Amino acid sequence: MKLYPLSFAPVFAERVWGGHLLECFLGCEVEDEPIGEAWIISNHKNGMSYVNHGEYKGKSLKELIDEFPEELLGKEIYNKYGKNFPLLVKYIYAKDSLSVQVHPNDEYALKNEGEPGKTEMWYILDAEEEATLIAGLKKGVTKEIFAKELATGDPARLLSAKEVTRGDSIFIPSGRVHAIQAGLLILEIQQSSDTTYRMFDWNRVGLDGKPRELHVEKSLETTDWQDFEPDVKSVNDPNPILAECEYFKIEKLMLDGTTDLLTEGAFVILNAAEGNFTIDGTDEVTEGQSRLIPAVLNKISIKGEKSTIIVSRPK
């Protein structure tokens, strides 16, 4: 059997700050619980993806990589990461605000958590009026100032808050303090890691009625204390590259017609951010859906009308 553009069943995660928008967005039914995340493409043990269509339906992403390592990942990606799929794609819906948190870099995470660090990119799929996100520190904030405020009160006044709208995006490297705020639906593309250090959780309790665990010491150790007021990339920015770093390159493709997409020797991930599109004339991808394009396919034809596609590649 040959590989083809792969779609996976979402893995939903209950979160205290979640709601019920994600199930509707993805056309699924879930138990009556607050859903905050839907893992869409993942080879991580905490949320493995399983193919939901075609000849490989029911196979896990791990099983496919084991069977077709170079064909799926690409030779260079396989040589670099082995059979570890390097990216993780998820949707996040914040009915309430997430905790103020930070992610460690690779060196710290591998030493302390046994997995890579987490650098990520957020693309705003929808936003309530005046919705904001937190990213970075206000100018002049030091570790000592922040630690004191954290111990005695609410550190929000020390953080950089940005108002965002649909189509905006922001790069969140490891070390950047951040928080997704209430009223945001986000596409997140990240390293394949599930390590998060909570600094502050708005003095609330979790779903079990108890305060959620904080990781104050680790978060203070891993924060970039020179990361002041980073910019949000506006929906009106004509540059199609949303983020590029040592882990991934992410572009926005505005499609109104037909174009060819080359895999360039490595897998490609397509997310339908707005509108629908078809692959090779037969595979229809509707808004909210994703496809993993195996490296071996080399070239596919995609067609859409006034469609926005987020195209992600590993580095």
Protein backbone atom coordinates (compact mmCIF):
# COMPACT_ATOMS: atom_id res chain seq x y z
CA MET A 1 0.00 0.00 0.00
CA LYS A 2 1.11 3.55 -0.70
CA LEU A 3 1.02 6.57 1.55
CA TYR A 4 -1.52 9.31 0.88
CA PRO A 5 -2.51 12.64 2.54
CA LEU A 6 -3.37 11.59 6.08
CA SER A 7 -6.18 12.79 8.33
CA PHE A 8 -6.42 11.89 12.01
CA ALA A 9 -9.16 11.71 14.61
CA PRO A 10 -8.82 14.58 17.13
CA VAL A 11 -7.77 13.72 20.69
CA PHE A 12 -9.73 15.96 23.04
CA ALA A 13 -8.34 17.13 26.38
CA GLU A 14 -10.44 18.32 29.29
CA ARG A 15 -9.26 21.62 30.76
CA VAL A 16 -10.62 23.83 33.53
CA TRP A 17 -10.44 26.85 31.20
CA GLY A 18 -12.11 25.07 28.26
CA GLY A 19 -15.66 25.02 26.92
CA HIS A 20 -17.65 23.41 24.10
CA LEU A 21 -16.62 25.28 20.96
CA LEU A 22 -13.97 22.81 19.77
CA GLU A 23 -16.41 19.92 19.42
CA CYS A 24 -18.66 22.06 17.21
CA PHE A 25 -15.69 23.44 15.24
CA LEU A 26 -14.50 19.90 14.45
CA GLY A 27 -17.95 18.35 14.06
CA CYS A 28 -17.56 15.90 16.95
CA GLU A 29 -19.62 14.93 19.97
CA VAL A 30 -17.90 14.84 23.36
CA GLU A 31 -19.10 14.21 26.89
CA ASP A 32 -20.43 17.23 28.78
CA GLU A 33 -17.09 18.47 30.08
CA PRO A 34 -14.98 21.58 29.38
CA ILE A 35 -12.73 20.79 26.41
CA GLY A 36 -9.71 23.04 26.03
CA GLU A 37 -7.52 21.24 23.50
CA ALA A 38 -7.87 19.00 20.47
CA TRP A 39 -4.62 17.32 19.42
CA ILE A 40 -4.83 16.99 15.65
CA ILE A 41 -1.46 15.56 14.57
CA SER A 42 0.62 14.01 17.32
CA ASN A 43 3.10 11.22 17.89
CA HIS A 44 3.35 12.10 21.59
CA LYS A 45 2.51 9.48 24.22
CA ASN A 46 0.05 11.85 25.90
CA GLY A 47 -2.14 12.11 22.81
CA MET A 48 -1.39 9.71 19.95
CA SER A 49 -3.03 10.35 16.58
CA TYR A 50 -4.92 7.62 14.71
CA VAL A 51 -5.77 7.75 11.00
CA ASN A 52 -9.51 8.21 10.43
CA HIS A 53 -9.85 7.51 6.70
CA GLY A 54 -8.55 5.39 3.84
CA GLU A 55 -6.56 2.17 3.80
CA TYR A 56 -4.65 3.00 6.99
CA LYS A 57 -7.73 3.87 9.05
CA GLY A 58 -7.13 2.86 12.68
CA LYS A 59 -3.32 2.93 12.36
CA SER A 60 -1.43 5.21 14.72
CA LEU A 61 1.02 7.80 13.49
CA LYS A 62 3.71 5.87 15.37
CA GLU A 63 2.86 2.67 13.48
CA LEU A 64 3.07 4.46 10.15
CA ILE A 65 6.43 6.01 11.01
CA ASP A 66 7.71 2.59 12.09
CA GLU A 67 6.59 1.13 8.74
CA PHE A 68 7.52 4.06 6.45
CA PRO A 69 10.11 6.16 8.30
CA GLU A 70 11.84 7.86 5.36
CA GLU A 71 8.79 7.86 3.09
CA LEU A 72 6.64 9.68 5.65
CA LEU A 73 9.18 11.93 7.40
CA GLY A 74 11.70 12.49 4.65
CA LYS A 75 15.29 11.26 4.65
CA GLU A 76 16.88 14.31 6.29
CA ILE A 77 14.18 14.59 8.97
CA TYR A 78 14.52 10.87 9.72
CA ASN A 79 18.32 11.23 9.97
CA LYS A 80 17.89 14.16 12.38
CA TYR A 81 15.03 12.93 14.59
CA GLY A 82 14.89 9.17 14.00
CA LYS A 83 11.32 7.92 14.33
CA ASN A 84 10.33 10.84 16.57
CA PHE A 85 7.81 13.00 14.72
CA PRO A 86 9.19 16.46 15.55
CA LEU A 87 6.00 18.57 15.48
CA LEU A 88 2.64 18.56 17.25
CA VAL A 89 -0.49 20.34 15.99
CA LYS A 90 -3.42 21.24 18.21
CA TYR A 91 -6.41 23.53 18.50
CA ILE A 92 -6.99 25.45 21.72
CA TYR A 93 -10.23 27.08 22.84
CA ALA A 94 -10.05 29.35 25.88
CA LYS A 95 -13.45 30.06 27.39
CA ASP A 96 -11.45 31.30 30.38
CA SER A 97 -7.82 32.40 30.48
CA LEU A 98 -5.01 29.85 30.61
CA SER A 99 -2.38 30.05 33.33
CA VAL A 100 0.62 32.36 32.98
CA GLN A 101 3.31 29.92 31.90
CA VAL A 102 6.62 29.34 30.19
CA HIS A 103 8.23 26.48 28.28
CA PRO A 104 11.85 25.36 28.72
CA ASN A 105 14.43 25.02 25.95
CA ASP A 106 15.72 21.66 24.74
CA GLU A 107 18.73 21.51 27.05
CA TYR A 108 16.73 22.22 30.22
CA ALA A 109 13.76 20.04 29.25
CA LEU A 110 15.84 17.02 28.25
CA LYS A 111 17.78 17.23 31.52
CA ASN A 112 14.77 17.76 33.78
CA GLU A 113 11.78 16.25 31.93
CA GLY A 114 13.27 13.69 29.53
CA GLU A 115 11.77 15.27 26.40
CA PRO A 116 12.51 18.23 24.11
CA GLY A 117 11.61 21.78 25.00
CA LYS A 118 8.68 23.60 23.49
CA THR A 119 8.81 26.40 20.95
CA GLU A 120 5.47 27.15 19.28
CA MET A 121 3.44 29.44 17.02
CA TRP A 122 -0.15 30.59 17.53
CA TYR A 123 -2.50 31.47 14.67
CA ILE A 124 -5.74 33.17 15.76
CA LEU A 125 -8.68 31.36 14.15
CA ASP A 126 -11.29 33.39 15.98
CA ALA A 127 -11.36 36.05 18.68
CA GLU A 128 -14.08 37.72 20.67
CA GLU A 129 -14.15 41.50 20.61
CA GLU A 130 -11.22 43.01 22.55
CA ALA A 131 -9.71 39.57 23.22
CA THR A 132 -6.07 39.66 24.30
CA LEU A 133 -3.10 37.37 24.72
CA ILE A 134 -0.10 37.69 27.00
CA ALA A 135 3.38 37.39 25.51
CA GLY A 136 6.63 38.57 27.05
CA LEU A 137 7.42 41.03 29.83
CA LYS A 138 6.91 44.75 30.13
CA LYS A 139 10.14 46.69 29.68
CA GLY A 140 12.31 46.82 32.76
CA VAL A 141 10.87 43.80 34.54
CA THR A 142 13.58 41.69 36.16
CA LYS A 143 13.58 38.25 37.69
CA GLU A 144 13.74 39.78 41.17
CA ILE A 145 10.81 42.13 40.53
CA PHE A 146 8.71 39.36 39.04
CA ALA A 147 9.48 36.82 41.77
CA LYS A 148 8.48 39.34 44.46
CA GLU A 149 5.19 40.17 42.70
CA LEU A 150 4.49 36.48 42.16
CA ALA A 151 4.94 35.78 45.86
CA THR A 152 2.75 38.62 47.06
CA GLY A 153 0.03 39.11 44.44
CA ASP A 154 -1.02 39.06 40.80
CA PRO A 155 1.87 39.51 38.30
CA ALA A 156 -0.39 40.50 35.38
CA ARG A 157 0.68 44.16 35.50
CA LEU A 158 4.25 43.07 34.71
CA LEU A 159 3.26 41.19 31.55
CA SER A 160 2.84 42.38 27.98
CA ALA A 161 -0.80 42.05 26.84
CA LYS A 162 -1.75 42.36 23.18
CA GLU A 163 -5.21 42.74 21.64
CA VAL A 164 -5.63 40.33 18.73
CA THR A 165 -8.10 39.55 16.00
CA ARG A 166 -8.80 36.71 13.58
CA GLY A 167 -5.82 36.05 11.33
CA ASP A 168 -3.16 37.49 13.65
CA SER A 169 -0.29 35.24 14.76
CA ILE A 170 2.60 35.23 17.20
CA PHE A 171 5.77 33.23 17.69
CA ILE A 172 6.31 31.84 21.21
CA PRO A 173 9.91 30.62 21.62
CA SER A 174 10.97 28.70 24.69
CA GLY A 175 11.58 31.11 27.56
CA ARG A 176 8.80 33.54 26.60
CA VAL A 177 6.21 34.07 29.35
CA HIS A 178 2.75 33.74 27.84
CA ALA A 179 -0.94 33.09 28.40
CA ILE A 180 -3.83 32.57 26.01
CA GLN A 181 -6.66 34.73 27.28
CA ALA A 182 -10.42 34.17 27.33
CA GLY A 183 -12.33 34.30 24.05
CA LEU A 184 -9.65 32.92 21.72
CA LEU A 185 -9.68 29.95 19.33
CA ILE A 186 -6.12 29.17 18.32
CA LEU A 187 -4.20 26.87 16.01
CA GLU A 188 -0.94 25.93 17.74
CA ILE A 189 2.01 24.35 15.96
CA GLN A 190 4.84 23.33 18.28
CA GLN A 191 7.69 21.00 19.02
CA SER A 192 6.52 17.56 20.06
CA SER A 193 6.60 18.16 23.80
CA ASP A 194 4.08 18.38 26.63
CA THR A 195 6.23 20.26 29.16
CA THR A 196 4.70 23.43 30.58
CA TYR A 197 5.69 25.33 33.71
CA ARG A 198 2.82 27.24 35.35
CA MET A 199 3.89 30.48 37.02
CA PHE A 200 0.48 31.81 38.08
CA ASP A 201 -3.05 30.43 37.72
CA TRP A 202 -5.25 33.41 38.63
CA ASN A 203 -5.87 31.98 42.14
CA ARG A 204 -8.43 29.48 40.84
CA VAL A 205 -9.00 25.79 41.50
CA GLY A 206 -8.91 22.91 39.04
CA LEU A 207 -11.72 20.59 38.00
CA ASP A 208 -11.11 18.56 41.18
CA GLY A 209 -11.73 21.62 43.36
CA LYS A 210 -8.06 21.91 44.37
CA PRO A 211 -5.47 24.49 43.26
CA ARG A 212 -3.52 23.28 40.23
CA GLU A 213 0.19 22.58 40.59
CA LEU A 214 2.53 25.51 40.03
CA HIS A 215 6.17 25.27 38.92
CA VAL A 216 7.49 28.57 40.20
CA GLU A 217 11.17 27.68 40.63
CA LYS A 218 11.46 26.00 37.23
CA SER A 219 9.55 28.78 35.50
CA LEU A 220 11.81 31.46 36.97
CA GLU A 221 14.87 29.47 35.89
CA THR A 222 13.68 29.06 32.29
CA THR A 223 12.21 32.51 31.58
CA ASP A 224 14.03 34.80 29.16
CA TRP A 225 14.38 37.95 31.28
CA GLN A 226 15.32 40.05 28.26
CA ASP A 227 12.14 39.24 26.32
CA PHE A 228 10.23 42.54 26.35
CA GLU A 229 6.94 43.29 24.55
CA PRO A 230 7.23 41.11 21.41
CA ASP A 231 5.16 42.03 18.37
CA VAL A 232 2.05 40.25 17.15
CA LYS A 233 2.09 39.60 13.41
CA SER A 234 -1.00 41.31 12.02
CA VAL A 235 -3.46 39.66 9.67
CA ASN A 236 -2.69 42.57 7.30
CA ASP A 237 1.05 41.84 7.15
CA PRO A 238 1.74 40.87 3.49
CA ASN A 239 4.69 38.61 4.39
CA PRO A 240 3.35 35.03 4.13
CA ILE A 241 5.95 33.62 6.57
CA LEU A 242 4.34 33.49 10.02
CA ALA A 243 7.28 31.95 11.86
CA GLU A 244 10.65 30.43 11.05
CA CYS A 245 13.12 28.92 13.50
CA GLU A 246 15.36 25.91 13.94
CA TYR A 247 12.31 23.64 14.39
CA PHE A 248 9.79 24.73 11.77
CA LYS A 249 8.80 27.11 9.00
CA ILE A 250 5.14 28.16 8.93
CA GLU A 251 3.52 30.07 6.08
CA LYS A 252 0.07 31.40 5.27
CA LEU A 253 -1.18 30.48 1.80
CA MET A 254 -4.04 32.59 0.46
CA LEU A 255 -5.53 30.37 -2.22
CA ASP A 256 -8.02 31.40 -4.88
CA GLY A 257 -7.52 28.90 -7.65
CA THR A 258 -5.13 25.98 -8.12
CA THR A 259 -1.47 25.63 -7.16
CA ASP A 260 1.11 22.88 -6.80
CA LEU A 261 2.72 22.23 -3.43
CA LEU A 262 6.12 20.51 -3.23
CA THR A 263 7.15 18.49 -0.18
CA GLU A 264 10.82 19.37 -0.81
CA GLY A 265 12.00 16.11 0.78
CA ALA A 266 10.12 16.43 4.08
CA PHE A 267 6.57 16.02 5.33
CA VAL A 268 4.21 19.00 5.15
CA ILE A 269 1.19 19.81 7.35
CA LEU A 270 -1.80 21.68 5.93
CA ASN A 271 -4.45 23.32 8.13
CA ALA A 272 -7.62 24.78 6.62
CA ALA A 273 -7.82 28.01 8.62
CA GLU A 274 -10.57 29.57 6.53
CA GLY A 275 -12.60 28.03 3.73
CA ASN A 276 -12.20 24.63 2.09
CA PHE A 277 -9.76 23.15 -0.40
CA THR A 278 -9.20 19.92 -2.32
CA ILE A 279 -6.05 17.85 -2.78
CA ASP A 280 -5.46 16.31 -6.22
CA GLY A 281 -9.10 16.87 -7.10
CA THR A 282 -10.51 14.17 -4.82
CA ASP A 283 -9.65 14.78 -1.16
CA GLU A 284 -11.83 17.60 0.20
CA VAL A 285 -10.46 19.36 3.27
CA THR A 286 -13.07 21.48 5.06
CA GLU A 287 -12.45 24.43 7.38
CA GLY A 288 -10.82 23.23 10.61
CA GLN A 289 -9.48 20.01 9.10
CA SER A 290 -5.82 19.12 8.60
CA ARG A 291 -3.72 16.88 6.41
CA LEU A 292 -0.27 15.39 6.88
CA ILE A 293 1.40 15.15 3.47
CA PRO A 294 4.07 12.41 3.48
CA ALA A 295 7.43 13.40 2.03
CA VAL A 296 7.31 10.64 -0.59
CA LEU A 297 4.37 12.27 -2.41
CA ASN A 298 6.75 14.96 -3.73
CA LYS A 299 4.04 17.14 -5.28
CA ILE A 300 0.32 17.62 -4.77
CA SER A 301 -2.21 19.90 -6.44
CA ILE A 302 -4.43 21.98 -4.16
CA LYS A 303 -7.49 23.98 -5.22
CA GLY A 304 -9.58 26.42 -3.19
CA GLU A 305 -11.68 29.55 -3.46
CA LYS A 306 -10.81 32.36 -1.05
CA SER A 307 -9.20 29.80 1.26
CA THR A 308 -6.54 30.37 3.90
CA ILE A 309 -4.20 27.44 4.47
CA ILE A 310 -1.49 27.27 7.14
CA VAL A 311 1.46 25.35 5.71
CA SER A 312 3.97 23.93 8.22
CA ARG A 313 7.29 22.28 7.47
CA PRO A 314 9.95 20.83 9.80
CA LYS A 315 13.47 22.26 9.74
